[in-house]
């Protein structure tokens, strides 16, 4: 067991308006299971890169531990090969037998090490990379979003696996995973960084209570400041009025009037009282400063769903689908309906056809850009005149500026930027090209576009990948308030439990 000491760390990207970290200091233990929490774009992945020595920085990071980071970069050459042939390229000194032992703990057969990497599912690829990561000894491991794109079964497996390990930093926005796997949190607040014992839920409850206390203290200070300002203004008026009584004073004719010296002394006392009040006022303001600096105030988002004249807007009955040239169907005999006001979660293993089903519904509603090369049987139909707002799971197509994106999508730029601001976008981000955004920020761009598009049906394909915890809660609140008709694929267990009014399970037919 050793410590990692971060002292006066300062780092900013070249050409950036602000530093990501400014004079940051804290200490963590290499024996901890540490959850790393913070808003999108706050610097979580950047900090992992700093630990790995990938960027120059000011300050000092002291550690006796050796760092290794997930996910590894897989080259175009490696993706064509079996993982058994390149694990040593990923982790120096990696021994295959150790990887096999870790795969066994991940409930996965060693056989996948000998199949071309490109043929494996996202879950299998992730498990291999985790097995390689944990195959070393005495490393302090940096794990960045290990469950993105994984189905519920794979997530449960990874959760169970990580809960049995220690000595890592886990970056994740999955509340269920964090609660199961960590015993400490490292939190990037708005102005400060804190380290705290416990899991996500215990930290969140502590934060909620702390925020409530700070808001109460802030209100008390505001009331006291108001009283002091009022009293100081009144005393200043009295002092000025008293001082003016010296004007035109004739001691012979007005011998019964107080002397100038007496009036001056009284005025001086009043002015002294004003100065004392101003000192108290400054002290109250100083105490108030910083009280609300770390409070996460999420703005209430708005949605403009349309109401379709038909009750049933999607009808799927005895529906089977197969790609042309494939050796088997994607799914068979699928039956469900989407009624107005329902929020339906589409669930199933990776590769069972969830995204394919969504694309077919988009195609039937004349929303899809391309026509899938498939053979169908059964019924898959949408109501006439159906307007759909779609969020794709893939963000790789985002290029150019926000203005260019709004022109392409025919969006009101001012409203679009307002929604992004409500999703905690910094104004400085609007001057950047979107390809330079973090993955979470890219996803927020797609979500903001969807929220700004009035629709009868909102179809979201894995909308929460990379999205921070605070924004997830913000979106949950929005959907529960406006109750739009939705069809969505999402592996965040807590999100599905809160939002879905109905669940459709797609059976795993084959690996396609």
Protein backbone atom coordinates (compact mmCIF):
# COMPACT_ATOMS: atom_id res chain seq x y z
CA UNK A 1 0.00 0.00 0.00
CA UNK A 2 1.32 3.44 -0.97
CA UNK A 3 0.02 6.90 -1.72
CA UNK A 4 -0.33 9.03 -4.83
CA UNK A 5 0.28 12.69 -3.98
CA UNK A 6 -0.83 15.42 -6.33
CA UNK A 7 0.68 18.79 -5.43
CA UNK A 8 -0.14 22.15 -7.04
CA UNK A 9 -1.11 20.51 -10.33
CA UNK A 10 -1.81 22.98 -13.13
CA UNK A 11 -2.64 21.94 -16.68
CA UNK A 12 -4.33 23.45 -19.71
CA UNK A 13 -4.51 22.46 -23.35
CA UNK A 14 -2.61 24.62 -25.79
CA UNK A 15 -4.88 27.31 -27.20
CA UNK A 16 -7.54 26.72 -24.52
CA UNK A 17 -9.17 29.67 -22.75
CA UNK A 18 -8.90 28.19 -19.26
CA UNK A 19 -6.80 25.62 -17.45
CA UNK A 20 -8.38 22.23 -16.85
CA UNK A 21 -6.67 22.07 -13.43
CA UNK A 22 -5.46 25.09 -11.47
CA UNK A 23 -3.15 24.59 -8.45
CA UNK A 24 -4.81 21.28 -7.47
CA UNK A 25 -3.57 19.21 -4.50
CA UNK A 26 -4.89 15.97 -2.96
CA UNK A 27 -3.75 12.53 -1.81
CA UNK A 28 -5.19 9.10 -2.69
CA UNK A 29 -4.26 5.57 -1.64
CA UNK A 30 -3.25 2.84 -4.09
CA UNK A 31 -5.25 0.31 -2.06
CA UNK A 32 -8.54 2.11 -2.70
CA UNK A 33 -11.31 1.31 -5.14
CA UNK A 34 -11.76 4.91 -6.23
CA UNK A 35 -14.69 6.23 -8.23
CA UNK A 36 -13.95 9.35 -10.29
CA UNK A 37 -17.00 11.63 -10.64
CA UNK A 38 -17.48 14.91 -12.47
CA UNK A 39 -19.26 16.76 -15.24
CA UNK A 40 -18.47 16.11 -18.90
CA UNK A 41 -15.41 18.10 -19.97
CA UNK A 42 -14.17 18.69 -16.40
CA UNK A 43 -10.97 16.70 -16.96
CA UNK A 44 -11.47 13.12 -15.77
CA UNK A 45 -9.87 11.47 -18.82
CA UNK A 46 -7.29 14.27 -18.93
CA UNK A 47 -6.24 13.46 -15.36
CA UNK A 48 -5.79 9.78 -16.25
CA UNK A 49 -3.56 10.87 -19.14
CA UNK A 50 -1.54 13.06 -16.78
CA UNK A 51 -1.00 10.08 -14.47
CA UNK A 52 0.15 8.06 -17.48
CA UNK A 53 2.64 10.82 -18.35
CA UNK A 54 1.02 11.58 -21.70
CA UNK A 55 0.96 15.39 -21.24
CA UNK A 56 3.42 17.90 -19.74
CA UNK A 57 2.12 19.75 -16.67
CA UNK A 58 3.11 22.09 -13.87
CA UNK A 59 3.23 20.90 -10.27
CA UNK A 60 4.07 17.43 -9.02
CA UNK A 61 2.54 13.94 -9.08
CA UNK A 62 4.38 11.58 -6.72
CA UNK A 63 3.66 7.86 -6.88
CA UNK A 64 5.57 4.65 -6.26
CA UNK A 65 2.96 2.74 -8.27
CA UNK A 66 3.10 1.82 -11.94
CA UNK A 67 0.03 3.02 -13.87
CA UNK A 68 -1.82 1.18 -16.61
CA UNK A 69 -4.95 2.40 -18.36
CA UNK A 70 -8.14 0.94 -19.87
CA UNK A 71 -9.13 0.98 -22.70
CA UNK A 72 -6.03 0.06 -24.66
CA UNK A 73 -5.67 1.41 -28.17
CA UNK A 74 -6.31 -1.32 -30.73
CA UNK A 75 -4.62 -0.72 -34.07
CA UNK A 76 -6.11 -1.54 -37.46
CA UNK A 77 -3.57 -4.34 -37.75
CA UNK A 78 -4.41 -5.81 -34.34
CA UNK A 79 -8.16 -5.80 -34.93
CA UNK A 80 -7.68 -8.34 -37.71
CA UNK A 81 -5.71 -10.68 -35.41
CA UNK A 82 -6.65 -12.91 -32.45
CA UNK A 83 -6.03 -11.17 -29.13
CA UNK A 84 -3.63 -13.96 -28.11
CA UNK A 85 -1.21 -12.66 -30.75
CA UNK A 86 -1.03 -9.05 -29.52
CA UNK A 87 -1.69 -8.95 -25.74
CA UNK A 88 2.04 -8.36 -25.10
CA UNK A 89 1.84 -5.32 -27.38
CA UNK A 90 -0.89 -3.93 -25.11
CA UNK A 91 0.83 -4.64 -21.80
CA UNK A 92 4.55 -5.30 -21.56
CA UNK A 93 5.34 -8.66 -19.96
CA UNK A 94 1.72 -9.81 -20.14
CA UNK A 95 1.44 -13.58 -19.73
CA UNK A 96 -1.36 -15.34 -21.55
CA UNK A 97 -2.12 -17.76 -18.73
CA UNK A 98 -2.81 -14.83 -16.41
CA UNK A 99 -5.18 -13.33 -18.98
CA UNK A 100 -7.00 -16.67 -19.19
CA UNK A 101 -7.37 -16.74 -15.38
CA UNK A 102 -8.87 -13.23 -15.41
CA UNK A 103 -11.22 -14.17 -18.26
CA UNK A 104 -12.45 -17.08 -16.16
CA UNK A 105 -13.30 -14.58 -13.38
CA UNK A 106 -15.14 -12.55 -16.03
CA UNK A 107 -17.18 -15.66 -16.90
CA UNK A 108 -15.75 -15.79 -20.40
CA UNK A 109 -14.15 -18.66 -22.28
CA UNK A 110 -10.46 -18.50 -23.22
CA UNK A 111 -11.56 -19.49 -26.71
CA UNK A 112 -12.28 -15.85 -27.58
CA UNK A 113 -8.55 -15.10 -27.36
CA UNK A 114 -8.02 -17.17 -30.50
CA UNK A 115 -10.75 -15.65 -32.66
CA UNK A 116 -10.13 -12.53 -34.80
CA UNK A 117 -10.71 -9.53 -32.55
CA UNK A 118 -13.02 -7.88 -35.09
CA UNK A 119 -15.47 -10.83 -34.87
CA UNK A 120 -16.01 -10.38 -31.11
CA UNK A 121 -18.93 -8.54 -29.51
CA UNK A 122 -18.29 -5.26 -27.60
CA UNK A 123 -18.71 -7.19 -24.34
CA UNK A 124 -16.13 -9.81 -25.31
CA UNK A 125 -13.65 -7.17 -26.45
CA UNK A 126 -14.08 -5.25 -23.21
CA UNK A 127 -13.57 -8.38 -21.12
CA UNK A 128 -10.34 -9.24 -22.94
CA UNK A 129 -8.97 -5.74 -22.37
CA UNK A 130 -9.95 -5.84 -18.68
CA UNK A 131 -8.34 -9.27 -18.32
CA UNK A 132 -5.11 -7.92 -19.83
CA UNK A 133 -5.28 -4.86 -17.55
CA UNK A 134 -5.60 -6.94 -14.37
CA UNK A 135 -3.08 -9.59 -15.45
CA UNK A 136 -0.16 -7.62 -14.00
CA UNK A 137 0.95 -7.34 -10.38
CA UNK A 138 1.05 -4.26 -8.14
CA UNK A 139 -0.12 -1.87 -10.89
CA UNK A 140 -2.48 0.97 -10.04
CA UNK A 141 -5.11 0.75 -12.74
CA UNK A 142 -6.97 3.58 -14.48
CA UNK A 143 -10.30 2.42 -15.91
CA UNK A 144 -12.18 4.81 -18.20
CA UNK A 145 -15.86 3.99 -18.90
CA UNK A 146 -15.61 0.16 -19.05
CA UNK A 147 -19.34 -0.47 -19.59
CA UNK A 148 -20.17 1.87 -22.49
CA UNK A 149 -22.01 -0.02 -25.26
CA UNK A 150 -22.27 -3.16 -23.08
CA UNK A 151 -25.59 -4.93 -22.60
CA UNK A 152 -27.07 -5.55 -19.16
CA UNK A 153 -25.59 -9.05 -18.82
CA UNK A 154 -22.07 -7.90 -19.67
CA UNK A 155 -22.43 -4.93 -17.29
CA UNK A 156 -23.45 -7.21 -14.44
CA UNK A 157 -20.44 -9.40 -15.13
CA UNK A 158 -18.03 -6.45 -15.19
CA UNK A 159 -19.64 -5.05 -12.04
CA UNK A 160 -19.15 -8.33 -10.18
CA UNK A 161 -15.57 -8.58 -11.44
CA UNK A 162 -14.53 -5.06 -10.44
CA UNK A 163 -16.18 -5.35 -7.03
CA UNK A 164 -13.70 -8.17 -6.25
CA UNK A 165 -10.67 -6.04 -7.21
CA UNK A 166 -8.88 -3.09 -5.60
CA UNK A 167 -6.23 -0.58 -6.48
CA UNK A 168 -7.91 1.38 -9.26
CA UNK A 169 -9.55 4.61 -10.37
CA UNK A 170 -12.88 3.99 -12.10
CA UNK A 171 -14.31 6.71 -14.33
CA UNK A 172 -17.98 5.95 -14.85
CA UNK A 173 -21.37 7.67 -14.93
CA UNK A 174 -23.23 4.44 -14.20
CA UNK A 175 -24.60 4.89 -10.67
CA UNK A 176 -25.30 1.20 -10.22
CA UNK A 177 -21.74 0.26 -11.19
CA UNK A 178 -20.20 2.90 -8.91
CA UNK A 179 -22.27 1.79 -5.92
CA UNK A 180 -21.22 -1.82 -6.39
CA UNK A 181 -17.50 -1.33 -7.07
CA UNK A 182 -16.01 1.58 -5.13
CA UNK A 183 -15.15 2.46 -1.54
CA UNK A 184 -13.92 6.04 -2.10
CA UNK A 185 -14.83 8.89 -4.46
CA UNK A 186 -12.69 11.53 -6.11
CA UNK A 187 -14.99 14.34 -7.19
CA UNK A 188 -14.31 17.21 -9.59
CA UNK A 189 -16.65 19.87 -8.24
CA UNK A 190 -17.23 23.21 -9.96
CA UNK A 191 -14.46 24.97 -8.00
CA UNK A 192 -12.80 22.34 -5.83
CA UNK A 193 -11.69 18.70 -5.74
CA UNK A 194 -12.68 16.47 -2.86
CA UNK A 195 -11.81 12.94 -1.76
CA UNK A 196 -14.35 11.11 0.38
CA UNK A 197 -14.87 7.59 1.73
CA UNK A 198 -17.96 5.71 0.52
CA UNK A 199 -19.72 4.86 -2.72
CA UNK A 200 -21.74 7.04 -5.09
CA UNK A 201 -24.99 6.96 -3.08
CA UNK A 202 -23.32 7.88 0.22
CA UNK A 203 -21.44 10.72 -1.47
CA UNK A 204 -24.61 11.93 -3.20
CA UNK A 205 -26.53 11.96 0.10
CA UNK A 206 -23.68 13.85 1.81
CA UNK A 207 -23.59 16.30 -1.09
CA UNK A 208 -27.36 16.80 -0.95
CA UNK A 209 -27.19 17.61 2.77
CA UNK A 210 -24.14 19.84 2.35
CA UNK A 211 -25.77 21.73 -0.53
CA UNK A 212 -28.94 22.23 1.53
CA UNK A 213 -26.89 23.55 4.46
CA UNK A 214 -24.93 25.89 2.21
CA UNK A 215 -28.11 27.23 0.61
CA UNK A 216 -29.57 27.87 4.08
CA UNK A 217 -26.37 29.61 5.19
CA UNK A 218 -26.38 31.65 1.99
CA UNK A 219 -29.94 32.81 2.64
CA UNK A 220 -28.99 33.82 6.21
CA UNK A 221 -26.02 35.81 4.92
CA UNK A 222 -28.16 37.49 2.25
CA UNK A 223 -30.69 38.57 4.92
CA UNK A 224 -27.93 39.87 7.19
CA UNK A 225 -26.29 41.71 4.27
CA UNK A 226 -29.64 43.30 3.42
CA UNK A 227 -30.16 44.47 7.02
CA UNK A 228 -26.62 45.88 7.26
CA UNK A 229 -26.96 47.73 3.94
CA UNK A 230 -30.25 49.25 5.08
CA UNK A 231 -28.86 50.28 8.48
CA UNK A 232 -25.67 51.69 6.94
CA UNK A 233 -27.66 53.74 4.43
CA UNK A 234 -29.91 55.08 7.20
CA UNK A 235 -26.92 56.02 9.39
CA UNK A 236 -25.22 57.71 6.42
CA UNK A 237 -28.36 59.81 5.81
CA UNK A 238 -28.53 60.78 9.49
CA UNK A 239 -24.84 61.75 9.53
CA UNK A 240 -25.23 63.86 6.37
CA UNK A 241 -28.38 65.52 7.71
CA UNK A 242 -26.69 66.24 11.03
CA UNK A 243 -23.59 67.65 9.31
CA UNK A 244 -25.75 70.01 7.24
CA UNK A 245 -27.13 71.61 10.45
CA UNK A 246 -23.74 73.33 10.88
CA UNK A 247 -24.41 75.44 7.77
CA UNK A 248 -25.49 79.04 8.56
CA UNK A 249 -24.85 78.63 12.31
CA UNK A 250 -24.63 82.00 14.24
CA UNK A 251 -23.57 81.45 17.91
CA UNK A 252 -24.74 84.99 18.97
CA UNK A 253 -28.22 84.80 17.51
CA UNK A 254 -28.67 81.02 18.10
CA UNK A 255 -27.07 80.64 21.52
CA UNK A 256 -29.52 77.85 22.43
CA UNK A 257 -28.50 75.76 19.38
CA UNK A 258 -25.84 72.98 19.82
CA UNK A 259 -22.30 74.13 19.04
CA UNK A 260 -20.50 73.27 15.82
CA UNK A 261 -18.10 71.13 17.86
CA UNK A 262 -20.97 69.15 19.35
CA UNK A 263 -22.57 68.65 15.94
CA UNK A 264 -19.20 67.60 14.45
CA UNK A 265 -18.63 65.10 17.26
CA UNK A 266 -22.07 63.60 16.81
CA UNK A 267 -21.53 63.32 13.05
CA UNK A 268 -18.16 61.64 13.62
CA UNK A 269 -19.79 59.03 15.85
CA UNK A 270 -22.42 58.33 13.21
CA UNK A 271 -19.76 58.02 10.51
CA UNK A 272 -17.78 55.68 12.73
CA UNK A 273 -20.89 53.56 13.13
CA UNK A 274 -21.27 53.44 9.34
CA UNK A 275 -17.66 52.27 8.98
CA UNK A 276 -18.23 49.52 11.54
CA UNK A 277 -21.30 48.41 9.62
CA UNK A 278 -19.32 48.40 6.39
CA UNK A 279 -16.67 46.18 8.01
CA UNK A 280 -19.40 43.77 9.17
CA UNK A 281 -20.92 43.94 5.69
CA UNK A 282 -17.61 43.03 4.08
CA UNK A 283 -17.16 40.16 6.57
CA UNK A 284 -20.63 38.81 5.76
CA UNK A 285 -19.97 39.06 2.02
CA UNK A 286 -16.59 37.31 2.43
CA UNK A 287 -18.27 34.51 4.38
CA UNK A 288 -20.90 34.21 1.68
CA UNK A 289 -18.27 33.97 -1.08
CA UNK A 290 -17.76 30.36 -2.12
CA UNK A 291 -20.81 29.01 -0.30
CA UNK A 292 -22.55 28.12 -3.57
CA UNK A 293 -19.40 27.61 -5.65
CA UNK A 294 -19.69 23.80 -5.74
CA UNK A 295 -23.47 23.43 -5.84
CA UNK A 296 -24.66 21.66 -8.98
CA UNK A 297 -27.74 23.59 -10.03
CA UNK A 298 -29.27 21.77 -12.99
CA UNK A 299 -31.68 23.86 -15.04
CA UNK A 300 -35.09 22.43 -15.85
CA UNK A 301 -35.10 21.33 -19.46
CA UNK A 302 -38.13 21.69 -21.71
CA UNK A 303 -39.59 19.43 -24.37
CA UNK A 304 -42.19 20.09 -27.07
CA UNK A 305 -43.75 16.71 -27.89
CA UNK A 306 -46.42 16.55 -30.55
CA UNK A 307 -49.65 14.59 -30.06
CA UNK A 308 -50.50 12.22 -32.89
CA UNK A 309 -54.16 11.75 -33.78
CA UNK A 310 -53.79 7.95 -33.56
CA UNK A 311 -53.46 6.06 -30.31
CA UNK A 312 -51.21 3.36 -31.82
CA UNK A 313 -48.25 4.84 -33.70
CA UNK A 314 -46.02 1.77 -34.25
CA UNK A 315 -47.24 -1.77 -34.89
CA UNK A 316 -44.88 -4.76 -35.10
CA UNK A 317 -46.42 -8.22 -35.44
CA UNK A 318 -44.79 -11.61 -36.11
CA UNK A 319 -41.86 -9.66 -37.53
CA UNK A 320 -38.67 -11.40 -38.68
CA UNK A 321 -35.65 -9.81 -40.29
CA UNK A 322 -32.47 -11.08 -41.91
CA UNK A 323 -29.63 -9.29 -43.67
CA UNK A 324 -29.16 -10.38 -47.26
CA UNK A 325 -26.34 -12.91 -47.51
CA UNK A 326 -26.32 -13.58 -43.73
CA UNK A 327 -26.50 -17.14 -42.46
CA UNK A 328 -29.40 -16.53 -40.11
CA UNK A 329 -32.04 -14.02 -38.97
CA UNK A 330 -31.35 -11.09 -36.71
CA UNK A 331 -34.61 -11.82 -34.85
CA UNK A 332 -37.82 -13.71 -35.51
CA UNK A 333 -41.51 -13.49 -34.57
CA UNK A 334 -41.21 -10.13 -32.82
CA UNK A 335 -44.52 -8.60 -31.71
CA UNK A 336 -45.15 -5.31 -29.88
CA UNK A 337 -46.88 -1.96 -30.26
CA UNK A 338 -46.02 1.61 -29.32
CA UNK A 339 -49.06 3.42 -27.97
CA UNK A 340 -49.25 7.16 -27.49
CA UNK A 341 -47.66 8.18 -24.16
CA UNK A 342 -45.65 4.97 -23.67
CA UNK A 343 -41.91 5.02 -22.98
CA UNK A 344 -40.59 1.67 -24.16
CA UNK A 345 -37.12 0.29 -23.38
CA UNK A 346 -35.73 -2.12 -25.99
CA UNK A 347 -33.46 -4.59 -24.19
CA UNK A 348 -31.32 -7.57 -25.11
CA UNK A 349 -27.77 -8.78 -25.51
CA UNK A 350 -25.24 -7.01 -27.72
CA UNK A 351 -25.83 -8.15 -31.29
CA UNK A 352 -29.48 -9.15 -30.84
CA UNK A 353 -30.71 -6.47 -33.28
CA UNK A 354 -31.83 -3.53 -31.12
CA UNK A 355 -30.25 -0.87 -33.34
CA UNK A 356 -31.37 -2.73 -36.48
CA UNK A 357 -34.97 -2.67 -35.24
CA UNK A 358 -34.73 1.07 -34.58
CA UNK A 359 -33.32 1.71 -38.06
CA UNK A 360 -36.12 -0.29 -39.66
CA UNK A 361 -38.75 1.77 -37.81
CA UNK A 362 -37.00 4.95 -38.97
CA UNK A 363 -36.99 3.55 -42.51
CA UNK A 364 -40.72 2.78 -42.38
CA UNK A 365 -41.37 6.36 -41.25
CA UNK A 366 -39.18 7.72 -44.08
CA UNK A 367 -36.68 9.16 -41.60
CA UNK A 368 -33.65 6.95 -42.32
CA UNK A 369 -30.96 8.22 -44.71
CA UNK A 370 -30.21 4.74 -46.05
CA UNK A 371 -32.16 1.61 -46.88
CA UNK A 372 -30.97 -1.49 -45.02
CA UNK A 373 -30.25 -4.56 -47.22
CA UNK A 374 -32.63 -6.90 -45.41
CA UNK A 375 -35.29 -9.51 -46.07
CA UNK A 376 -38.43 -9.07 -43.95
CA UNK A 377 -41.50 -11.03 -43.06
CA UNK A 378 -44.45 -10.09 -40.87
CA UNK A 379 -45.63 -6.57 -40.08
CA UNK A 380 -43.59 -3.48 -39.18
CA UNK A 381 -45.55 -0.28 -39.78
CA UNK A 382 -45.81 3.27 -38.46
CA UNK A 383 -48.74 5.69 -38.40
CA UNK A 384 -48.99 8.08 -41.33
CA UNK A 385 -47.52 11.54 -40.80
CA UNK A 386 -45.41 10.35 -37.86
CA UNK A 387 -42.70 12.86 -36.86
CA UNK A 388 -39.70 11.24 -35.17
CA UNK A 389 -36.82 12.83 -33.26
CA UNK A 390 -33.81 10.49 -33.33
CA UNK A 391 -30.60 10.26 -31.29
CA UNK A 392 -28.00 7.97 -32.85
CA UNK A 393 -25.53 6.09 -30.64
CA UNK A 394 -22.73 7.04 -33.05
CA UNK A 395 -21.22 10.53 -32.64
CA UNK A 396 -18.34 10.10 -35.10
CA UNK A 397 -20.12 12.13 -37.79
CA UNK A 398 -20.06 15.38 -35.80
CA UNK A 399 -17.82 17.88 -37.56
CA UNK A 400 -17.45 21.63 -37.78
CA UNK A 401 -18.90 24.36 -35.58
CA UNK A 402 -22.15 24.57 -33.67
CA UNK A 403 -23.38 27.17 -36.19
CA UNK A 404 -22.74 24.83 -39.10
CA UNK A 405 -24.51 22.00 -37.26
CA UNK A 406 -27.58 24.18 -36.65
CA UNK A 407 -27.72 25.22 -40.31
CA UNK A 408 -27.47 21.58 -41.43
CA UNK A 409 -30.19 20.43 -39.01
CA UNK A 410 -32.32 23.58 -39.50
CA UNK A 411 -32.22 24.40 -35.79
CA UNK A 412 -32.57 27.79 -34.11
CA UNK A 413 -28.97 28.42 -33.03
CA UNK A 414 -29.78 30.63 -30.03
CA UNK A 415 -32.26 28.09 -28.62
CA UNK A 416 -29.87 25.23 -29.36
CA UNK A 417 -27.02 26.94 -27.52
CA UNK A 418 -29.37 27.74 -24.63
CA UNK A 419 -30.16 24.03 -24.22
CA UNK A 420 -26.46 23.16 -24.34
CA UNK A 421 -25.81 25.77 -21.65
CA UNK A 422 -28.51 24.13 -19.53
CA UNK A 423 -26.65 20.85 -20.04
CA UNK A 424 -23.56 22.52 -18.52
CA UNK A 425 -21.78 23.49 -21.71
CA UNK A 426 -19.25 26.26 -21.20
CA UNK A 427 -19.61 29.16 -23.65
CA UNK A 428 -15.99 28.65 -24.70
CA UNK A 429 -17.00 25.31 -26.25
CA UNK A 430 -19.12 27.07 -28.87
CA UNK A 431 -15.98 28.47 -30.48
CA UNK A 432 -14.46 25.00 -30.93
CA UNK A 433 -15.01 22.45 -33.66
CA UNK A 434 -17.20 19.59 -32.49
CA UNK A 435 -14.61 16.94 -33.35
CA UNK A 436 -12.57 18.40 -30.44
CA UNK A 437 -15.39 17.84 -27.94
CA UNK A 438 -15.28 15.05 -25.36
CA UNK A 439 -17.52 12.06 -26.10
CA UNK A 440 -19.98 13.24 -23.45
CA UNK A 441 -20.17 16.71 -24.99
CA UNK A 442 -20.77 15.21 -28.45
CA UNK A 443 -23.64 13.16 -27.04
CA UNK A 444 -25.12 16.30 -25.49
CA UNK A 445 -25.09 17.95 -28.92
CA UNK A 446 -27.25 15.11 -30.29
CA UNK A 447 -29.56 15.18 -27.26
CA UNK A 448 -29.97 18.96 -27.46
CA UNK A 449 -30.92 18.67 -31.15
CA UNK A 450 -33.52 16.05 -30.28
CA UNK A 451 -34.97 18.11 -27.42
CA UNK A 452 -35.31 21.08 -29.77
CA UNK A 453 -37.20 19.00 -32.36
CA UNK A 454 -40.98 18.69 -31.73
CA UNK A 455 -41.97 15.10 -32.46
CA UNK A 456 -44.70 12.48 -31.98
CA UNK A 457 -42.09 9.82 -31.16
CA UNK A 458 -38.61 10.16 -29.66
CA UNK A 459 -36.27 7.32 -30.62
CA UNK A 460 -33.00 7.34 -28.67
CA UNK A 461 -30.29 4.73 -29.26
CA UNK A 462 -28.00 4.52 -26.20
CA UNK A 463 -28.40 8.25 -25.45
CA UNK A 464 -26.55 8.23 -22.11
CA UNK A 465 -23.17 6.81 -23.16
CA UNK A 466 -20.52 9.15 -21.69
CA UNK A 467 -23.19 11.50 -20.25
CA UNK A 468 -22.38 12.67 -16.70
CA UNK A 469 -24.48 11.70 -13.69
CA UNK A 470 -25.94 15.18 -13.16
CA UNK A 471 -27.17 15.42 -16.75
CA UNK A 472 -28.65 11.92 -16.53
CA UNK A 473 -30.74 12.99 -13.55
CA UNK A 474 -31.67 16.20 -15.38
CA UNK A 475 -32.91 14.19 -18.40
CA UNK A 476 -34.80 11.77 -16.15
CA UNK A 477 -36.65 14.68 -14.56
CA UNK A 478 -37.50 16.10 -18.00
CA UNK A 479 -38.94 12.82 -19.33
CA UNK A 480 -40.99 12.17 -16.21
CA UNK A 481 -42.44 15.71 -16.37
CA UNK A 482 -43.31 15.89 -20.09
CA UNK A 483 -44.07 12.16 -20.62
CA UNK A 484 -43.21 12.00 -24.35
CA UNK A 485 -43.83 8.87 -26.38
CA UNK A 486 -40.45 7.12 -26.57
CA UNK A 487 -38.70 4.05 -27.90
CA UNK A 488 -35.17 3.80 -26.52
CA UNK A 489 -32.18 1.52 -26.09
CA UNK A 490 -30.27 2.20 -22.89
CA UNK A 491 -28.19 -0.01 -20.58
CA UNK A 492 -28.25 2.31 -17.55
CA UNK A 493 -30.27 0.17 -15.15
CA UNK A 494 -31.48 3.02 -12.94
CA UNK A 495 -32.51 5.15 -15.92
CA UNK A 496 -34.59 2.31 -17.37
CA UNK A 497 -36.23 1.57 -14.01
CA UNK A 498 -37.29 5.22 -13.66
CA UNK A 499 -38.29 6.02 -17.24
CA UNK A 500 -39.61 2.90 -18.99
CA UNK A 501 -43.34 2.18 -18.82
CA UNK A 502 -42.82 -1.03 -20.81
CA UNK A 503 -39.87 -3.24 -21.76
CA UNK A 504 -39.33 -5.26 -24.95
CA UNK A 505 -36.79 -8.08 -24.83
CA UNK A 506 -35.16 -9.16 -28.08
CA UNK A 507 -33.94 -12.78 -27.97
CA UNK A 508 -30.36 -13.40 -29.08
CA UNK A 509 -30.74 -15.39 -32.31
CA UNK A 510 -27.24 -15.41 -33.71
CA UNK A 511 -23.98 -13.43 -33.88
CA UNK A 512 -24.23 -11.32 -36.97
